Protein backbone atom coordinates (compact mmCIF):
# COMPACT_ATOMS: atom_id res chain seq x y z
CA UNK A 1 0.00 0.00 0.00
CA UNK A 2 1.29 3.46 -0.85
CA UNK A 3 0.74 6.45 1.39
CA UNK A 4 0.89 10.17 0.76
CA UNK A 5 2.18 12.93 3.00
CA UNK A 6 1.14 16.57 3.04
CA UNK A 7 3.31 19.51 4.08
CA UNK A 8 4.09 23.16 3.47
CA UNK A 9 7.54 22.95 5.07
CA UNK A 10 10.05 24.35 2.56
CA UNK A 11 12.97 22.18 3.70
CA UNK A 12 10.89 19.00 3.41
CA UNK A 13 9.67 19.90 -0.08
CA UNK A 14 13.14 20.83 -1.32
CA UNK A 15 14.68 17.66 0.14
CA UNK A 16 11.98 15.45 -1.45
CA UNK A 17 12.44 17.09 -4.85
CA UNK A 18 16.23 16.85 -4.79
CA UNK A 19 16.14 13.25 -3.55
CA UNK A 20 13.98 12.35 -6.55
CA UNK A 21 16.02 14.36 -9.09
CA UNK A 22 13.55 17.23 -9.27
CA UNK A 23 14.05 20.96 -9.62
CA UNK A 24 11.62 23.87 -9.08
CA UNK A 25 9.76 25.03 -12.18
CA UNK A 26 6.85 27.08 -13.44
CA UNK A 27 4.70 26.32 -16.49
CA UNK A 28 6.28 28.72 -19.00
CA UNK A 29 3.05 30.22 -20.41
CA UNK A 30 1.84 31.10 -16.89
CA UNK A 31 5.03 32.62 -15.45
CA UNK A 32 3.85 36.23 -15.82
CA UNK A 33 0.27 35.62 -14.74
CA UNK A 34 -1.24 36.95 -11.55
CA UNK A 35 -0.38 34.58 -8.72
CA UNK A 36 3.11 33.82 -10.02
CA UNK A 37 2.26 30.99 -12.39
CA UNK A 38 1.55 27.29 -12.14
CA UNK A 39 4.16 25.50 -10.04
CA UNK A 40 5.71 22.16 -10.91
CA UNK A 41 8.58 19.98 -9.80
CA UNK A 42 10.49 19.21 -12.99
CA UNK A 43 12.30 15.88 -13.37
CA UNK A 44 14.79 16.57 -16.21
CA UNK A 45 15.88 12.93 -16.46
CA UNK A 46 12.29 11.93 -17.23
CA UNK A 47 11.36 14.54 -19.84
CA UNK A 48 12.40 15.67 -23.27
CA UNK A 49 14.00 18.98 -24.15
CA UNK A 50 10.73 20.40 -25.51
CA UNK A 51 9.23 20.73 -22.05
CA UNK A 52 6.87 23.64 -21.41
CA UNK A 53 8.42 24.13 -17.97
CA UNK A 54 10.72 26.98 -17.04
CA UNK A 55 13.13 26.12 -14.24
CA UNK A 56 13.27 28.68 -11.44
CA UNK A 57 15.08 29.16 -8.15
CA UNK A 58 13.74 27.89 -4.84
CA UNK A 59 13.15 31.40 -3.45
CA UNK A 60 10.84 32.34 -6.34
CA UNK A 61 9.15 28.94 -6.20
CA UNK A 62 8.43 29.19 -2.47
CA UNK A 63 7.22 32.79 -2.72
CA UNK A 64 4.57 31.68 -5.22
CA UNK A 65 3.86 28.58 -3.11
CA UNK A 66 3.27 30.65 0.05
CA UNK A 67 1.44 33.51 -1.69
CA UNK A 68 -1.07 30.98 -3.02
CA UNK A 69 -1.36 29.20 0.36
CA UNK A 70 -0.49 25.78 -1.06
CA UNK A 71 0.46 22.47 0.51
CA UNK A 72 2.60 19.80 -1.14
CA UNK A 73 1.07 16.33 -1.28
CA UNK A 74 3.67 13.70 -2.15
CA UNK A 75 4.41 10.01 -2.18
CA UNK A 76 7.79 8.42 -1.39
CA UNK A 77 7.12 4.88 -2.60
CA UNK A 78 4.59 3.22 -4.90
CA UNK A 79 2.49 0.30 -3.65
CA UNK A 80 5.08 -2.11 -5.09
CA UNK A 81 7.88 -0.40 -3.13
CA UNK A 82 9.39 1.35 -6.15
CA UNK A 83 10.43 5.02 -5.76
CA UNK A 84 7.61 7.42 -6.61
CA UNK A 85 7.67 10.91 -8.08
CA UNK A 86 3.95 11.45 -7.51
CA UNK A 87 3.07 14.87 -6.09
CA UNK A 88 0.48 17.58 -6.43
CA UNK A 89 -0.19 20.99 -4.98
CA UNK A 90 -3.36 21.41 -2.95
CA UNK A 91 -5.00 24.28 -1.11
CA UNK A 92 -3.64 24.68 2.41
CA UNK A 93 -6.28 24.01 5.04
PDB file of N, CA and C in Angstrom:
ATOM      1  N   UNK A   1       0.839  -1.183   0.000  1.00  0.00           N
ATOM      2  CA  UNK A   1       0.000   0.000   0.000  1.00  0.00           C
ATOM      3  C   UNK A   1       0.884   1.246   0.000  1.00  0.00           C
ATOM      4  N   UNK A   2       0.545   2.214  -0.824  1.00  0.00           N
ATOM      5  CA  UNK A   2       1.292   3.465  -0.850  1.00  0.00           C
ATOM      6  C   UNK A   2       0.564   4.492   0.017  1.00  0.00           C
ATOM      7  N   UNK A   3       1.325   5.397   0.575  1.00  0.00           N
ATOM      8  CA  UNK A   3       0.741   6.449   1.388  1.00  0.00           C
ATOM      9  C   UNK A   3       1.272   7.793   0.923  1.00  0.00           C
ATOM     10  N   UNK A   4       0.485   8.819   1.119  1.00  0.00           N
ATOM     11  CA  UNK A   4       0.890  10.168   0.760  1.00  0.00           C
ATOM     12  C   UNK A   4       1.074  10.993   2.022  1.00  0.00           C
ATOM     13  N   UNK A   5       1.935  11.996   1.906  1.00  0.00           N
ATOM     14  CA  UNK A   5       2.178  12.928   3.003  1.00  0.00           C
ATOM     15  C   UNK A   5       1.882  14.328   2.499  1.00  0.00           C
ATOM     16  N   UNK A   6       1.469  15.202   3.405  1.00  0.00           N
ATOM     17  CA  UNK A   6       1.144  16.575   3.041  1.00  0.00           C
ATOM     18  C   UNK A   6       1.917  17.524   3.933  1.00  0.00           C
ATOM     19  N   UNK A   7       2.509  18.549   3.315  1.00  0.00           N
ATOM     20  CA  UNK A   7       3.305  19.513   4.076  1.00  0.00           C
ATOM     21  C   UNK A   7       3.365  20.853   3.357  1.00  0.00           C
ATOM     22  N   UNK A   8       3.731  21.885   4.094  1.00  0.00           N
ATOM     23  CA  UNK A   8       4.093  23.155   3.467  1.00  0.00           C
ATOM     24  C   UNK A   8       5.467  23.604   3.978  1.00  0.00           C
ATOM     25  N   UNK A   9       6.196  22.681   4.584  1.00  0.00           N
ATOM     26  CA  UNK A   9       7.545  22.954   5.072  1.00  0.00           C
ATOM     27  C   UNK A   9       8.524  23.003   3.891  1.00  0.00           C
ATOM     28  N   UNK A  10       9.149  24.145   3.701  1.00  0.00           N
ATOM     29  CA  UNK A  10      10.045  24.348   2.561  1.00  0.00           C
ATOM     30  C   UNK A  10      11.195  23.345   2.530  1.00  0.00           C
ATOM     31  N   UNK A  11      11.822  23.093   3.659  1.00  0.00           N
ATOM     32  CA  UNK A  11      12.971  22.178   3.704  1.00  0.00           C
ATOM     33  C   UNK A  11      12.563  20.760   3.309  1.00  0.00           C
ATOM     34  N   UNK A  12      11.386  20.333   3.747  1.00  0.00           N
ATOM     35  CA  UNK A  12      10.891  18.995   3.410  1.00  0.00           C
ATOM     36  C   UNK A  12      10.615  18.880   1.913  1.00  0.00           C
ATOM     37  N   UNK A  13       9.992  19.899   1.348  1.00  0.00           N
ATOM     38  CA  UNK A  13       9.669  19.896  -0.085  1.00  0.00           C
ATOM     39  C   UNK A  13      10.946  19.891  -0.919  1.00  0.00           C
ATOM     40  N   UNK A  14      11.879  20.752  -0.574  1.00  0.00           N
ATOM     41  CA  UNK A  14      13.135  20.833  -1.320  1.00  0.00           C
ATOM     42  C   UNK A  14      13.904  19.517  -1.229  1.00  0.00           C
ATOM     43  N   UNK A  15      13.972  18.933  -0.043  1.00  0.00           N
ATOM     44  CA  UNK A  15      14.679  17.661   0.144  1.00  0.00           C
ATOM     45  C   UNK A  15      14.025  16.551  -0.673  1.00  0.00           C
ATOM     46  N   UNK A  16      12.678  16.483  -0.678  1.00  0.00           N
ATOM     47  CA  UNK A  16      11.980  15.454  -1.445  1.00  0.00           C
ATOM     48  C   UNK A  16      12.285  15.612  -2.931  1.00  0.00           C
ATOM     49  N   UNK A  17      12.187  16.844  -3.425  1.00  0.00           N
ATOM     50  CA  UNK A  17      12.436  17.092  -4.850  1.00  0.00           C
ATOM     51  C   UNK A  17      13.855  16.700  -5.235  1.00  0.00           C
ATOM     52  N   UNK A  18      14.829  17.139  -4.463  1.00  0.00           N
ATOM     53  CA  UNK A  18      16.226  16.851  -4.789  1.00  0.00           C
ATOM     54  C   UNK A  18      16.528  15.357  -4.685  1.00  0.00           C
ATOM     55  N   UNK A  19      15.936  14.692  -3.719  1.00  0.00           N
ATOM     56  CA  UNK A  19      16.135  13.251  -3.552  1.00  0.00           C
ATOM     57  C   UNK A  19      15.613  12.474  -4.763  1.00  0.00           C
ATOM     58  N   UNK A  20      14.582  13.016  -5.406  1.00  0.00           N
ATOM     59  CA  UNK A  20      13.975  12.353  -6.553  1.00  0.00           C
ATOM     60  C   UNK A  20      14.457  12.931  -7.893  1.00  0.00           C
ATOM     61  N   UNK A  21      15.468  13.787  -7.864  1.00  0.00           N
ATOM     62  CA  UNK A  21      16.018  14.360  -9.093  1.00  0.00           C
ATOM     63  C   UNK A  21      15.206  15.502  -9.655  1.00  0.00           C
ATOM     64  N   UNK A  22      14.404  16.145  -8.816  1.00  0.00           N
ATOM     65  CA  UNK A  22      13.546  17.232  -9.266  1.00  0.00           C
ATOM     66  C   UNK A  22      14.113  18.603  -8.986  1.00  0.00           C
ATOM     67  N   UNK A  23      13.666  19.561  -9.787  1.00  0.00           N
ATOM     68  CA  UNK A  23      14.048  20.965  -9.619  1.00  0.00           C
ATOM     69  C   UNK A  23      12.782  21.820  -9.676  1.00  0.00           C
ATOM     70  N   UNK A  24      12.800  23.005  -9.057  1.00  0.00           N
ATOM     71  CA  UNK A  24      11.616  23.867  -9.076  1.00  0.00           C
ATOM     72  C   UNK A  24      11.380  24.436 -10.474  1.00  0.00           C
ATOM     73  N   UNK A  25      10.111  24.525 -10.855  1.00  0.00           N
ATOM     74  CA  UNK A  25       9.763  25.033 -12.182  1.00  0.00           C
ATOM     75  C   UNK A  25       8.384  25.672 -12.164  1.00  0.00           C
ATOM     76  N   UNK A  26       8.145  26.445 -13.213  1.00  0.00           N
ATOM     77  CA  UNK A  26       6.848  27.083 -13.436  1.00  0.00           C
ATOM     78  C   UNK A  26       6.454  26.773 -14.875  1.00  0.00           C
ATOM     79  N   UNK A  27       5.172  26.522 -15.119  1.00  0.00           N
ATOM     80  CA  UNK A  27       4.705  26.325 -16.486  1.00  0.00           C
ATOM     81  C   UNK A  27       4.974  27.626 -17.234  1.00  0.00           C
ATOM     82  N   UNK A  28       5.755  27.541 -18.302  1.00  0.00           N
ATOM     83  CA  UNK A  28       6.278  28.723 -18.997  1.00  0.00           C
ATOM     84  C   UNK A  28       5.204  29.740 -19.388  1.00  0.00           C
ATOM     85  N   UNK A  29       4.098  29.298 -19.948  1.00  0.00           N
ATOM     86  CA  UNK A  29       3.054  30.224 -20.408  1.00  0.00           C
ATOM     87  C   UNK A  29       2.346  30.946 -19.270  1.00  0.00           C
ATOM     88  N   UNK A  30       2.546  30.499 -18.025  1.00  0.00           N
ATOM     89  CA  UNK A  30       1.842  31.101 -16.893  1.00  0.00           C
ATOM     90  C   UNK A  30       2.757  31.935 -16.008  1.00  0.00           C
ATOM     91  N   UNK A  31       4.041  31.994 -16.325  1.00  0.00           N
ATOM     92  CA  UNK A  31       5.033  32.623 -15.455  1.00  0.00           C
ATOM     93  C   UNK A  31       4.724  34.079 -15.122  1.00  0.00           C
ATOM     94  N   UNK A  32       4.121  34.802 -16.052  1.00  0.00           N
ATOM     95  CA  UNK A  32       3.851  36.228 -15.817  1.00  0.00           C
ATOM     96  C   UNK A  32       2.420  36.491 -15.370  1.00  0.00           C
ATOM     97  N   UNK A  33       1.662  35.442 -15.139  1.00  0.00           N
ATOM     98  CA  UNK A  33       0.272  35.617 -14.736  1.00  0.00           C
ATOM     99  C   UNK A  33       0.165  36.034 -13.276  1.00  0.00           C
ATOM    100  N   UNK A  34      -0.986  36.581 -12.943  1.00  0.00           N
ATOM    101  CA  UNK A  34      -1.240  36.945 -11.554  1.00  0.00           C
ATOM    102  C   UNK A  34      -1.172  35.679 -10.707  1.00  0.00           C
ATOM    103  N   UNK A  35      -0.533  35.745  -9.581  1.00  0.00           N
ATOM    104  CA  UNK A  35      -0.382  34.581  -8.719  1.00  0.00           C
ATOM    105  C   UNK A  35       0.963  33.894  -8.890  1.00  0.00           C
ATOM    106  N   UNK A  36       1.758  34.344  -9.868  1.00  0.00           N
ATOM    107  CA  UNK A  36       3.111  33.823 -10.018  1.00  0.00           C
ATOM    108  C   UNK A  36       3.261  32.629 -10.935  1.00  0.00           C
ATOM    109  N   UNK A  37       2.170  32.106 -11.451  1.00  0.00           N
ATOM    110  CA  UNK A  37       2.255  30.990 -12.385  1.00  0.00           C
ATOM    111  C   UNK A  37       1.931  29.654 -11.742  1.00  0.00           C
ATOM    112  N   UNK A  38       1.862  28.637 -12.587  1.00  0.00           N
ATOM    113  CA  UNK A  38       1.550  27.286 -12.136  1.00  0.00           C
ATOM    114  C   UNK A  38       2.846  26.572 -11.777  1.00  0.00           C
ATOM    115  N   UNK A  39       2.946  26.150 -10.537  1.00  0.00           N
ATOM    116  CA  UNK A  39       4.156  25.498 -10.044  1.00  0.00           C
ATOM    117  C   UNK A  39       4.220  24.031 -10.449  1.00  0.00           C
ATOM    118  N   UNK A  40       5.444  23.572 -10.644  1.00  0.00           N
ATOM    119  CA  UNK A  40       5.707  22.165 -10.915  1.00  0.00           C
ATOM    120  C   UNK A  40       7.069  21.806 -10.321  1.00  0.00           C
ATOM    121  N   UNK A  41       7.251  20.527 -10.058  1.00  0.00           N
ATOM    122  CA  UNK A  41       8.582  19.977  -9.803  1.00  0.00           C
ATOM    123  C   UNK A  41       8.959  19.297 -11.112  1.00  0.00           C
ATOM    124  N   UNK A  42      10.049  19.729 -11.701  1.00  0.00           N
ATOM    125  CA  UNK A  42      10.489  19.207 -12.992  1.00  0.00           C
ATOM    126  C   UNK A  42      11.532  18.112 -12.767  1.00  0.00           C
ATOM    127  N   UNK A  43      11.367  17.002 -13.460  1.00  0.00           N
ATOM    128  CA  UNK A  43      12.305  15.880 -13.375  1.00  0.00           C
ATOM    129  C   UNK A  43      13.017  15.765 -14.722  1.00  0.00           C
ATOM    130  N   UNK A  44      14.111  16.511 -14.899  1.00  0.00           N
ATOM    131  CA  UNK A  44      14.793  16.570 -16.206  1.00  0.00           C
ATOM    132  C   UNK A  44      15.158  15.211 -16.790  1.00  0.00           C
ATOM    133  N   UNK A  45      15.500  14.250 -15.957  1.00  0.00           N
ATOM    134  CA  UNK A  45      15.881  12.930 -16.461  1.00  0.00           C
ATOM    135  C   UNK A  45      14.705  12.191 -17.076  1.00  0.00           C
ATOM    136  N   UNK A  46      13.482  12.627 -16.770  1.00  0.00           N
ATOM    137  CA  UNK A  46      12.287  11.930 -17.234  1.00  0.00           C
ATOM    138  C   UNK A  46      11.480  12.736 -18.240  1.00  0.00           C
ATOM    139  N   UNK A  47      12.099  13.745 -18.862  1.00  0.00           N
ATOM    140  CA  UNK A  47      11.359  14.542 -19.838  1.00  0.00           C
ATOM    141  C   UNK A  47      12.260  14.869 -21.021  1.00  0.00           C
ATOM    142  N   UNK A  48      11.615  15.299 -22.103  1.00  0.00           N
ATOM    143  CA  UNK A  48      12.395  15.669 -23.271  1.00  0.00           C
ATOM    144  C   UNK A  48      12.730  17.160 -23.230  1.00  0.00           C
ATOM    145  N   UNK A  49      13.530  17.600 -24.156  1.00  0.00           N
ATOM    146  CA  UNK A  49      13.999  18.985 -24.152  1.00  0.00           C
ATOM    147  C   UNK A  49      12.919  19.975 -24.578  1.00  0.00           C
ATOM    148  N   UNK A  50      11.794  19.498 -25.074  1.00  0.00           N
ATOM    149  CA  UNK A  50      10.733  20.403 -25.514  1.00  0.00           C
ATOM    150  C   UNK A  50       9.717  20.680 -24.409  1.00  0.00           C
ATOM    151  N   UNK A  51      10.116  20.517 -23.190  1.00  0.00           N
ATOM    152  CA  UNK A  51       9.233  20.728 -22.052  1.00  0.00           C
ATOM    153  C   UNK A  51       8.698  22.155 -22.027  1.00  0.00           C
ATOM    154  N   UNK A  52       7.463  22.312 -21.544  1.00  0.00           N
ATOM    155  CA  UNK A  52       6.867  23.643 -21.414  1.00  0.00           C
ATOM    156  C   UNK A  52       7.146  24.243 -20.038  1.00  0.00           C
ATOM    157  N   UNK A  53       8.085  23.649 -19.306  1.00  0.00           N
ATOM    158  CA  UNK A  53       8.420  24.132 -17.971  1.00  0.00           C
ATOM    159  C   UNK A  53       9.643  25.030 -18.006  1.00  0.00           C
ATOM    160  N   UNK A  54       9.597  26.055 -17.176  1.00  0.00           N
ATOM    161  CA  UNK A  54      10.717  26.978 -17.037  1.00  0.00           C
ATOM    162  C   UNK A  54      11.279  26.780 -15.634  1.00  0.00           C
ATOM    163  N   UNK A  55      12.526  26.308 -15.554  1.00  0.00           N
ATOM    164  CA  UNK A  55      13.131  26.119 -14.236  1.00  0.00           C
ATOM    165  C   UNK A  55      13.299  27.468 -13.556  1.00  0.00           C
ATOM    166  N   UNK A  56      13.161  27.465 -12.232  1.00  0.00           N
ATOM    167  CA  UNK A  56      13.269  28.684 -11.443  1.00  0.00           C
ATOM    168  C   UNK A  56      14.086  28.375 -10.194  1.00  0.00           C
ATOM    169  N   UNK A  57      14.339  29.387  -9.400  1.00  0.00           N
ATOM    170  CA  UNK A  57      15.080  29.163  -8.150  1.00  0.00           C
ATOM    171  C   UNK A  57      14.082  28.861  -7.035  1.00  0.00           C
ATOM    172  N   UNK A  58      14.612  28.280  -5.954  1.00  0.00           N
ATOM    173  CA  UNK A  58      13.736  27.887  -4.844  1.00  0.00           C
ATOM    174  C   UNK A  58      13.068  29.091  -4.182  1.00  0.00           C
ATOM    175  N   UNK A  59      13.754  30.224  -4.096  1.00  0.00           N
ATOM    176  CA  UNK A  59      13.148  31.404  -3.451  1.00  0.00           C
ATOM    177  C   UNK A  59      11.896  31.860  -4.204  1.00  0.00           C
ATOM    178  N   UNK A  60      11.992  31.939  -5.523  1.00  0.00           N
ATOM    179  CA  UNK A  60      10.845  32.336  -6.343  1.00  0.00           C
ATOM    180  C   UNK A  60       9.727  31.294  -6.244  1.00  0.00           C
ATOM    181  N   UNK A  61      10.101  30.032  -6.311  1.00  0.00           N
ATOM    182  CA  UNK A  61       9.150  28.935  -6.199  1.00  0.00           C
ATOM    183  C   UNK A  61       8.374  29.029  -4.885  1.00  0.00           C
ATOM    184  N   UNK A  62       9.098  29.174  -3.772  1.00  0.00           N
ATOM    185  CA  UNK A  62       8.425  29.187  -2.468  1.00  0.00           C
ATOM    186  C   UNK A  62       7.639  30.472  -2.220  1.00  0.00           C
ATOM    187  N   UNK A  63       8.021  31.575  -2.846  1.00  0.00           N
ATOM    188  CA  UNK A  63       7.220  32.795  -2.724  1.00  0.00           C
ATOM    189  C   UNK A  63       5.845  32.558  -3.359  1.00  0.00           C
ATOM    190  N   UNK A  64       5.837  31.990  -4.554  1.00  0.00           N
ATOM    191  CA  UNK A  64       4.571  31.678  -5.224  1.00  0.00           C
ATOM    192  C   UNK A  64       3.782  30.650  -4.421  1.00  0.00           C
ATOM    193  N   UNK A  65       4.466  29.642  -3.916  1.00  0.00           N
ATOM    194  CA  UNK A  65       3.855  28.582  -3.113  1.00  0.00           C
ATOM    195  C   UNK A  65       3.148  29.179  -1.889  1.00  0.00           C
ATOM    196  N   UNK A  66       3.849  30.047  -1.160  1.00  0.00           N
ATOM    197  CA  UNK A  66       3.267  30.650   0.045  1.00  0.00           C
ATOM    198  C   UNK A  66       2.192  31.686  -0.276  1.00  0.00           C
ATOM    199  N   UNK A  67       2.428  32.504  -1.314  1.00  0.00           N
ATOM    200  CA  UNK A  67       1.438  33.514  -1.694  1.00  0.00           C
ATOM    201  C   UNK A  67       0.101  32.880  -2.060  1.00  0.00           C
ATOM    202  N   UNK A  68       0.149  31.677  -2.610  1.00  0.00           N
ATOM    203  CA  UNK A  68      -1.070  30.975  -3.022  1.00  0.00           C
ATOM    204  C   UNK A  68      -1.585  30.010  -1.960  1.00  0.00           C
ATOM    205  N   UNK A  69      -0.943  30.025  -0.788  1.00  0.00           N
ATOM    206  CA  UNK A  69      -1.356  29.197   0.357  1.00  0.00           C
ATOM    207  C   UNK A  69      -1.543  27.725  -0.045  1.00  0.00           C
ATOM    208  N   UNK A  70      -0.453  27.157  -0.593  1.00  0.00           N
ATOM    209  CA  UNK A  70      -0.486  25.779  -1.058  1.00  0.00           C
ATOM    210  C   UNK A  70       0.174  24.827  -0.073  1.00  0.00           C
ATOM    211  N   UNK A  71      -0.213  23.581  -0.160  1.00  0.00           N
ATOM    212  CA  UNK A  71       0.459  22.469   0.511  1.00  0.00           C
ATOM    213  C   UNK A  71       0.990  21.542  -0.578  1.00  0.00           C
ATOM    214  N   UNK A  72       1.972  20.750  -0.223  1.00  0.00           N
ATOM    215  CA  UNK A  72       2.601  19.804  -1.135  1.00  0.00           C
ATOM    216  C   UNK A  72       2.211  18.400  -0.693  1.00  0.00           C
ATOM    217  N   UNK A  73       1.479  17.700  -1.533  1.00  0.00           N
ATOM    218  CA  UNK A  73       1.065  16.328  -1.277  1.00  0.00           C
ATOM    219  C   UNK A  73       1.999  15.440  -2.097  1.00  0.00           C
ATOM    220  N   UNK A  74       2.676  14.507  -1.437  1.00  0.00           N
ATOM    221  CA  UNK A  74       3.671  13.702  -2.151  1.00  0.00           C
ATOM    222  C   UNK A  74       3.703  12.261  -1.656  1.00  0.00           C
ATOM    223  N   UNK A  75       4.298  11.435  -2.467  1.00  0.00           N
ATOM    224  CA  UNK A  75       4.408  10.013  -2.178  1.00  0.00           C
ATOM    225  C   UNK A  75       5.880   9.629  -2.309  1.00  0.00           C
ATOM    226  N   UNK A  76       6.390   8.865  -1.342  1.00  0.00           N
ATOM    227  CA  UNK A  76       7.785   8.421  -1.394  1.00  0.00           C
ATOM    228  C   UNK A  76       7.950   7.126  -2.176  1.00  0.00           C
ATOM    229  N   UNK A  77       7.029   6.201  -1.968  1.00  0.00           N
ATOM    230  CA  UNK A  77       7.116   4.877  -2.603  1.00  0.00           C
ATOM    231  C   UNK A  77       5.762   4.497  -3.195  1.00  0.00           C
ATOM    232  N   UNK A  78       5.800   3.772  -4.312  1.00  0.00           N
ATOM    233  CA  UNK A  78       4.588   3.216  -4.902  1.00  0.00           C
ATOM    234  C   UNK A  78       4.173   1.992  -4.094  1.00  0.00           C
ATOM    235  N   UNK A  79       2.998   1.477  -4.376  1.00  0.00           N
ATOM    236  CA  UNK A  79       2.492   0.304  -3.653  1.00  0.00           C
ATOM    237  C   UNK A  79       3.435  -0.891  -3.770  1.00  0.00           C
ATOM    238  N   UNK A  80       4.160  -0.986  -4.892  1.00  0.00           N
ATOM    239  CA  UNK A  80       5.082  -2.109  -5.088  1.00  0.00           C
ATOM    240  C   UNK A  80       6.459  -1.868  -4.473  1.00  0.00           C
ATOM    241  N   UNK A  81       6.623  -0.708  -3.788  1.00  0.00           N
ATOM    242  CA  UNK A  81       7.879  -0.400  -3.129  1.00  0.00           C
ATOM    243  C   UNK A  81       8.851   0.406  -3.976  1.00  0.00           C
ATOM    244  N   UNK A  82       8.530   0.577  -5.253  1.00  0.00           N
ATOM    245  CA  UNK A  82       9.386   1.355  -6.155  1.00  0.00           C
ATOM    246  C   UNK A  82       9.303   2.845  -5.797  1.00  0.00           C
ATOM    247  N   UNK A  83      10.401   3.587  -6.028  1.00  0.00           N
ATOM    248  CA  UNK A  83      10.428   5.019  -5.765  1.00  0.00           C
ATOM    249  C   UNK A  83       9.342   5.720  -6.574  1.00  0.00           C
ATOM    250  N   UNK A  84       8.688   6.694  -5.962  1.00  0.00           N
ATOM    251  CA  UNK A  84       7.605   7.422  -6.614  1.00  0.00           C
ATOM    252  C   UNK A  84       7.961   8.890  -6.774  1.00  0.00           C
ATOM    253  N   UNK A  85       7.536   9.471  -7.884  1.00  0.00           N
ATOM    254  CA  UNK A  85       7.667  10.913  -8.081  1.00  0.00           C
ATOM    255  C   UNK A  85       6.290  11.575  -8.109  1.00  0.00           C
ATOM    256  N   UNK A  86       5.288  10.883  -7.559  1.00  0.00           N
ATOM    257  CA  UNK A  86       3.947  11.454  -7.512  1.00  0.00           C
ATOM    258  C   UNK A  86       3.907  12.619  -6.525  1.00  0.00           C
ATOM    259  N   UNK A  87       3.311  13.712  -6.965  1.00  0.00           N
ATOM    260  CA  UNK A  87       3.070  14.867  -6.093  1.00  0.00           C
ATOM    261  C   UNK A  87       1.944  15.685  -6.709  1.00  0.00           C
ATOM    262  N   UNK A  88       1.366  16.548  -5.911  1.00  0.00           N
ATOM    263  CA  UNK A  88       0.476  17.576  -6.428  1.00  0.00           C
ATOM    264  C   UNK A  88       0.389  18.685  -5.388  1.00  0.00           C
ATOM    265  N   UNK A  89      -0.006  19.843  -5.860  1.00  0.00           N
ATOM    266  CA  UNK A  89      -0.188  20.987  -4.981  1.00  0.00           C
ATOM    267  C   UNK A  89      -1.674  21.098  -4.670  1.00  0.00           C
ATOM    268  N   UNK A  90      -1.975  21.299  -3.402  1.00  0.00           N
ATOM    269  CA  UNK A  90      -3.360  21.408  -2.951  1.00  0.00           C
ATOM    270  C   UNK A  90      -3.499  22.648  -2.087  1.00  0.00           C
ATOM    271  N   UNK A  91      -4.723  23.119  -1.949  1.00  0.00           N
ATOM    272  CA  UNK A  91      -4.997  24.282  -1.106  1.00  0.00           C
ATOM    273  C   UNK A  91      -4.667  23.947   0.345  1.00  0.00           C
ATOM    274  N   UNK A  92      -3.986  24.855   0.996  1.00  0.00           N
ATOM    275  CA  UNK A  92      -3.644  24.683   2.411  1.00  0.00           C
ATOM    276  C   UNK A  92      -4.911  24.842   3.240  1.00  0.00           C
ATOM    277  N   UNK A  93      -5.084  23.951   4.185  1.00  0.00           N
ATOM    278  CA  UNK A  93      -6.279  24.006   5.036  1.00  0.00           C
ATOM    279  C   UNK A  93      -6.066  24.904   6.228  1.00  0.00           C
TER     280      UNK A  93
END
